N, C-alpha and C. Protein backbone atom coordinates (compact mmCIF):
# COMPACT_ATOMS: atom_id res chain seq x y z
N MET A 1 196.36 45.27 76.48
CA MET A 1 195.61 46.51 76.39
C MET A 1 196.33 47.46 75.45
N ALA A 2 195.60 48.09 74.58
CA ALA A 2 196.18 49.01 73.59
C ALA A 2 196.64 50.29 74.25
N GLU A 3 197.72 50.85 73.73
CA GLU A 3 198.20 52.14 74.20
C GLU A 3 197.88 53.18 73.16
N PHE A 4 197.45 54.34 73.61
CA PHE A 4 197.12 55.43 72.71
C PHE A 4 198.12 56.56 72.90
N SER A 5 198.48 57.18 71.81
CA SER A 5 199.36 58.34 71.83
C SER A 5 198.53 59.54 71.39
N TYR A 6 198.52 60.60 72.19
CA TYR A 6 197.72 61.77 71.88
C TYR A 6 198.60 62.88 71.35
N LYS A 7 198.13 63.54 70.31
CA LYS A 7 198.81 64.69 69.75
C LYS A 7 197.86 65.87 69.90
N ILE A 8 198.15 66.77 70.82
CA ILE A 8 197.30 67.92 71.10
C ILE A 8 197.86 69.11 70.34
N GLU A 9 197.03 69.72 69.50
CA GLU A 9 197.42 70.90 68.74
C GLU A 9 196.38 71.99 68.95
N GLN A 10 196.83 73.23 69.05
CA GLN A 10 195.90 74.34 69.12
C GLN A 10 195.58 74.76 67.70
N LEU A 11 194.29 74.73 67.35
CA LEU A 11 193.85 75.10 66.01
C LEU A 11 193.22 76.48 66.05
N GLU A 12 193.28 77.17 64.94
CA GLU A 12 192.59 78.45 64.82
C GLU A 12 191.09 78.18 64.74
N LEU A 13 190.31 79.05 65.30
CA LEU A 13 188.85 78.88 65.30
C LEU A 13 188.30 78.79 63.88
N GLU A 14 188.95 79.45 62.93
CA GLU A 14 188.50 79.40 61.55
C GLU A 14 188.53 77.98 61.00
N SER A 15 189.30 77.08 61.62
CA SER A 15 189.39 75.72 61.11
C SER A 15 188.07 74.97 61.26
N LEU A 16 187.16 75.47 62.07
CA LEU A 16 185.84 74.85 62.18
C LEU A 16 184.89 75.35 61.10
N ALA A 17 185.25 76.43 60.45
CA ALA A 17 184.58 76.96 59.26
C ALA A 17 183.07 76.76 59.24
N GLN A 18 182.39 77.44 60.14
CA GLN A 18 180.94 77.37 60.14
C GLN A 18 180.41 78.72 59.66
N PRO A 19 179.36 78.72 58.87
CA PRO A 19 178.85 79.98 58.34
C PRO A 19 178.28 80.86 59.46
N SER A 20 178.47 82.15 59.33
CA SER A 20 177.97 83.10 60.31
C SER A 20 176.45 83.19 60.22
N LYS A 21 175.80 83.27 61.36
CA LYS A 21 174.36 83.43 61.39
C LYS A 21 173.98 84.90 61.54
N ILE A 22 174.98 85.76 61.62
CA ILE A 22 174.75 87.19 61.75
C ILE A 22 174.84 87.80 60.36
N THR A 23 173.78 88.49 59.95
CA THR A 23 173.78 89.10 58.63
C THR A 23 174.62 90.37 58.63
N LYS A 24 174.98 90.84 57.45
CA LYS A 24 175.77 92.06 57.33
C LYS A 24 175.00 93.24 57.92
N LYS A 25 173.70 93.26 57.72
CA LYS A 25 172.87 94.33 58.28
C LYS A 25 172.92 94.31 59.81
N ASP A 26 172.85 93.11 60.39
CA ASP A 26 172.93 92.99 61.85
C ASP A 26 174.31 93.40 62.37
N GLN A 27 175.36 93.07 61.61
CA GLN A 27 176.72 93.42 62.02
C GLN A 27 176.88 94.93 62.18
N GLU A 28 176.18 95.69 61.34
CA GLU A 28 176.25 97.15 61.41
C GLU A 28 175.63 97.68 62.71
N LEU A 29 174.72 96.92 63.30
CA LEU A 29 174.06 97.33 64.55
C LEU A 29 174.86 96.97 65.79
N ILE A 30 175.79 96.03 65.63
CA ILE A 30 176.55 95.53 66.78
C ILE A 30 177.77 96.40 66.98
N GLY A 31 177.93 96.92 68.17
CA GLY A 31 179.10 97.74 68.47
C GLY A 31 180.23 96.90 69.02
N THR A 32 181.30 97.55 69.38
CA THR A 32 182.43 96.86 70.00
C THR A 32 182.47 97.20 71.48
N PHE A 33 183.07 96.32 72.26
CA PHE A 33 183.19 96.55 73.68
C PHE A 33 184.39 95.78 74.22
N GLN A 34 184.87 96.20 75.36
CA GLN A 34 186.01 95.56 76.01
C GLN A 34 185.55 94.25 76.66
N VAL A 35 186.25 93.18 76.39
CA VAL A 35 185.92 91.88 76.96
C VAL A 35 186.64 91.73 78.29
N ASP A 36 185.90 91.33 79.33
CA ASP A 36 186.49 91.09 80.65
C ASP A 36 187.25 89.77 80.59
N ASN A 37 188.51 89.79 80.93
CA ASN A 37 189.30 88.57 80.85
C ASN A 37 189.47 87.88 82.20
N VAL A 38 188.56 88.14 83.11
CA VAL A 38 188.60 87.50 84.43
C VAL A 38 187.49 86.46 84.49
N PHE A 39 187.85 85.24 84.92
CA PHE A 39 186.88 84.15 85.03
C PHE A 39 186.30 84.17 86.43
N ASN A 40 185.01 84.47 86.52
CA ASN A 40 184.29 84.53 87.78
C ASN A 40 183.40 83.30 87.86
N ILE A 41 183.61 82.44 88.85
CA ILE A 41 182.86 81.19 88.95
C ILE A 41 181.35 81.42 89.00
N ALA A 42 180.92 82.51 89.64
CA ALA A 42 179.49 82.77 89.78
C ALA A 42 178.84 83.20 88.46
N GLN A 43 179.60 83.83 87.55
CA GLN A 43 179.00 84.37 86.33
C GLN A 43 179.50 83.71 85.06
N SER A 44 180.71 83.22 85.05
CA SER A 44 181.30 82.66 83.84
C SER A 44 180.92 81.20 83.66
N ARG A 45 180.83 80.78 82.42
CA ARG A 45 180.50 79.40 82.08
C ARG A 45 181.47 78.91 81.02
N VAL A 46 181.69 77.60 81.02
CA VAL A 46 182.51 76.96 80.00
C VAL A 46 181.68 75.85 79.38
N GLY A 47 181.63 75.84 78.07
CA GLY A 47 180.99 74.76 77.32
C GLY A 47 182.05 74.07 76.48
N VAL A 48 181.88 72.78 76.25
CA VAL A 48 182.85 72.01 75.47
C VAL A 48 182.14 71.32 74.32
N GLY A 49 182.62 71.57 73.12
CA GLY A 49 182.11 70.89 71.94
C GLY A 49 183.13 69.91 71.42
N VAL A 50 182.70 68.69 71.14
CA VAL A 50 183.57 67.68 70.54
C VAL A 50 183.15 67.54 69.09
N TYR A 51 184.12 67.73 68.17
CA TYR A 51 183.86 67.70 66.74
C TYR A 51 184.66 66.59 66.08
N SER A 52 184.11 66.04 65.03
CA SER A 52 184.86 65.10 64.20
C SER A 52 185.88 65.90 63.41
N VAL A 53 186.82 65.22 62.75
CA VAL A 53 187.80 65.93 61.94
C VAL A 53 187.15 66.60 60.72
N SER A 54 185.93 66.19 60.37
CA SER A 54 185.21 66.84 59.28
C SER A 54 184.26 67.93 59.81
N ASN A 55 184.48 68.35 61.06
CA ASN A 55 183.76 69.47 61.70
C ASN A 55 182.29 69.20 62.00
N THR A 56 181.93 67.94 62.20
CA THR A 56 180.58 67.60 62.62
C THR A 56 180.54 67.58 64.15
N LEU A 57 179.59 68.31 64.72
CA LEU A 57 179.46 68.32 66.18
C LEU A 57 178.99 66.96 66.65
N LEU A 58 179.79 66.32 67.50
CA LEU A 58 179.46 64.99 68.03
C LEU A 58 178.76 65.08 69.38
N GLU A 59 179.19 66.04 70.18
CA GLU A 59 178.62 66.19 71.53
C GLU A 59 178.95 67.58 72.05
N TYR A 60 178.02 68.12 72.85
CA TYR A 60 178.26 69.41 73.48
C TYR A 60 177.94 69.31 74.96
N VAL A 61 178.90 69.66 75.79
CA VAL A 61 178.71 69.69 77.24
C VAL A 61 178.53 71.15 77.61
N GLU A 62 177.31 71.51 77.98
CA GLU A 62 176.97 72.91 78.21
C GLU A 62 177.61 73.50 79.45
N ASP A 63 177.71 72.73 80.50
CA ASP A 63 178.21 73.26 81.77
C ASP A 63 179.45 72.48 82.22
N TYR A 64 180.53 72.65 81.51
CA TYR A 64 181.80 71.98 81.79
C TYR A 64 182.39 72.54 83.08
N LYS A 65 182.80 71.66 83.98
CA LYS A 65 183.34 72.10 85.27
C LYS A 65 184.72 71.52 85.57
N ASP A 66 185.31 70.81 84.62
CA ASP A 66 186.56 70.10 84.90
C ASP A 66 187.79 70.97 84.62
N TYR A 67 187.74 72.21 85.07
CA TYR A 67 188.87 73.12 84.96
C TYR A 67 189.43 73.36 86.36
N THR A 68 190.64 73.86 86.43
CA THR A 68 191.26 74.15 87.72
C THR A 68 191.88 75.54 87.69
N PHE A 69 192.08 76.07 88.85
CA PHE A 69 192.82 77.31 89.01
C PHE A 69 194.18 76.93 89.55
N GLY A 70 195.22 77.15 88.77
CA GLY A 70 196.57 76.81 89.20
C GLY A 70 197.15 77.84 90.15
N ALA A 71 198.36 77.57 90.58
CA ALA A 71 199.05 78.50 91.48
C ALA A 71 199.29 79.84 90.80
N ASN A 72 199.35 79.83 89.46
CA ASN A 72 199.60 81.07 88.72
C ASN A 72 198.30 81.74 88.26
N ALA A 73 197.19 81.46 88.92
CA ALA A 73 195.88 81.95 88.48
C ALA A 73 195.70 83.45 88.66
N GLN A 74 196.53 84.09 89.45
CA GLN A 74 196.46 85.53 89.66
C GLN A 74 195.07 85.98 90.07
N ALA A 75 194.61 85.52 91.21
CA ALA A 75 193.27 85.86 91.69
C ALA A 75 193.09 87.37 91.73
N GLN A 76 191.93 87.81 91.31
CA GLN A 76 191.60 89.24 91.25
C GLN A 76 190.60 89.57 92.36
N GLY A 77 190.92 89.23 93.59
CA GLY A 77 190.02 89.51 94.69
C GLY A 77 188.73 88.73 94.53
N ASP A 78 187.60 89.40 94.68
CA ASP A 78 186.30 88.76 94.54
C ASP A 78 185.90 88.55 93.08
N ARG A 79 186.63 89.13 92.15
CA ARG A 79 186.24 89.08 90.74
C ARG A 79 186.52 87.74 90.10
N GLY A 80 187.47 86.96 90.56
CA GLY A 80 187.77 85.68 89.95
C GLY A 80 189.25 85.53 89.67
N ALA A 81 189.58 84.77 88.63
CA ALA A 81 190.97 84.51 88.28
C ALA A 81 191.19 84.80 86.81
N SER A 82 192.40 85.20 86.46
CA SER A 82 192.69 85.51 85.07
C SER A 82 193.24 84.32 84.31
N ILE A 83 193.57 83.22 84.99
CA ILE A 83 194.09 82.02 84.32
C ILE A 83 193.38 80.79 84.88
N ILE A 84 192.81 79.98 83.99
CA ILE A 84 192.29 78.68 84.40
C ILE A 84 193.00 77.62 83.57
N THR A 85 193.03 76.40 84.08
CA THR A 85 193.73 75.31 83.41
C THR A 85 192.73 74.25 82.98
N ILE A 86 192.86 73.82 81.72
CA ILE A 86 192.04 72.73 81.18
C ILE A 86 192.98 71.65 80.65
N ASP A 87 192.48 70.43 80.56
CA ASP A 87 193.29 69.30 80.09
C ASP A 87 192.53 68.59 78.96
N PRO A 88 192.77 68.98 77.69
CA PRO A 88 192.03 68.38 76.59
C PRO A 88 192.17 66.86 76.50
N GLU A 89 193.36 66.34 76.77
CA GLU A 89 193.56 64.89 76.71
C GLU A 89 192.67 64.18 77.71
N LYS A 90 192.63 64.67 78.93
CA LYS A 90 191.78 64.08 79.97
C LYS A 90 190.29 64.20 79.59
N ASP A 91 189.91 65.34 79.03
CA ASP A 91 188.52 65.54 78.65
C ASP A 91 188.10 64.57 77.55
N ILE A 92 188.97 64.36 76.56
CA ILE A 92 188.68 63.42 75.48
C ILE A 92 188.51 62.01 76.03
N GLN A 93 189.35 61.65 76.98
CA GLN A 93 189.24 60.31 77.58
C GLN A 93 187.95 60.17 78.37
N GLU A 94 187.62 61.16 79.18
CA GLU A 94 186.42 61.08 80.02
C GLU A 94 185.13 61.13 79.20
N LEU A 95 185.18 61.78 78.04
CA LEU A 95 184.00 61.84 77.17
C LEU A 95 183.93 60.63 76.23
N LYS A 96 184.89 59.71 76.38
CA LYS A 96 184.91 58.44 75.64
C LYS A 96 185.16 58.61 74.14
N TYR A 97 185.99 59.60 73.77
CA TYR A 97 186.39 59.77 72.37
C TYR A 97 187.87 59.46 72.21
N ASP A 98 188.37 58.54 72.99
CA ASP A 98 189.80 58.27 73.04
C ASP A 98 190.28 57.23 72.04
N THR A 99 189.43 56.82 71.09
CA THR A 99 189.85 55.81 70.13
C THR A 99 189.92 56.35 68.70
N GLY A 100 189.80 57.65 68.51
CA GLY A 100 189.86 58.22 67.17
C GLY A 100 190.21 59.68 67.23
N ASP A 101 190.29 60.30 66.06
CA ASP A 101 190.63 61.70 65.98
C ASP A 101 189.40 62.57 66.19
N VAL A 102 189.53 63.55 67.06
CA VAL A 102 188.46 64.52 67.30
C VAL A 102 189.08 65.89 67.53
N ARG A 103 188.24 66.88 67.43
CA ARG A 103 188.60 68.25 67.78
C ARG A 103 187.75 68.65 68.97
N ILE A 104 188.32 69.40 69.87
CA ILE A 104 187.57 69.82 71.05
C ILE A 104 187.65 71.35 71.13
N LEU A 105 186.49 71.97 71.33
CA LEU A 105 186.40 73.42 71.35
C LEU A 105 185.80 73.86 72.69
N TYR A 106 186.50 74.73 73.39
CA TYR A 106 186.04 75.26 74.67
C TYR A 106 185.45 76.64 74.44
N ASN A 107 184.22 76.86 74.89
CA ASN A 107 183.54 78.16 74.78
C ASN A 107 183.45 78.79 76.16
N PHE A 108 184.04 79.94 76.32
CA PHE A 108 184.01 80.68 77.58
C PHE A 108 183.03 81.82 77.45
N THR A 109 182.02 81.83 78.31
CA THR A 109 181.01 82.88 78.24
C THR A 109 180.76 83.48 79.61
N ASN A 110 180.27 84.69 79.58
CA ASN A 110 179.90 85.39 80.79
C ASN A 110 178.56 86.07 80.49
N ASN A 111 177.52 85.69 81.20
CA ASN A 111 176.18 86.21 80.94
C ASN A 111 176.05 87.63 81.49
N VAL A 112 176.34 88.61 80.62
CA VAL A 112 176.26 90.00 81.05
C VAL A 112 174.82 90.47 81.21
N TYR A 113 173.85 89.67 80.76
CA TYR A 113 172.45 90.07 80.84
C TYR A 113 171.71 89.42 82.01
N SER A 114 172.45 88.72 82.87
CA SER A 114 171.80 88.04 83.97
C SER A 114 171.28 89.05 84.99
N GLU A 115 170.24 88.68 85.70
CA GLU A 115 169.66 89.55 86.71
C GLU A 115 170.58 89.70 87.93
N THR A 116 171.47 88.73 88.12
CA THR A 116 172.38 88.81 89.27
C THR A 116 173.68 89.45 88.84
């Protein structure tokens, strides 16, 4: 059985180099706001994109749930936790991309427009 060696590197988001879909005119309408850095299981979502080394999207998992809250998660009462743990190597293996080079991108979102 072949053995694989994984090299996990954190890349800057700019390395995916995708053109912005927001026009300059639209950017002028968008204000700034403080981002909540607490992960609330009821409201927050994680999506995972698997990309080739040439930045082609191979697969997107919209509702990724394979994260954990470690002992150092610093629970914020009912609001959630400020630290979650993910394992890119395990995710690549479970998504069956363990035989070549890929990039994996985690998207953390919180639906501030939800009715709940």
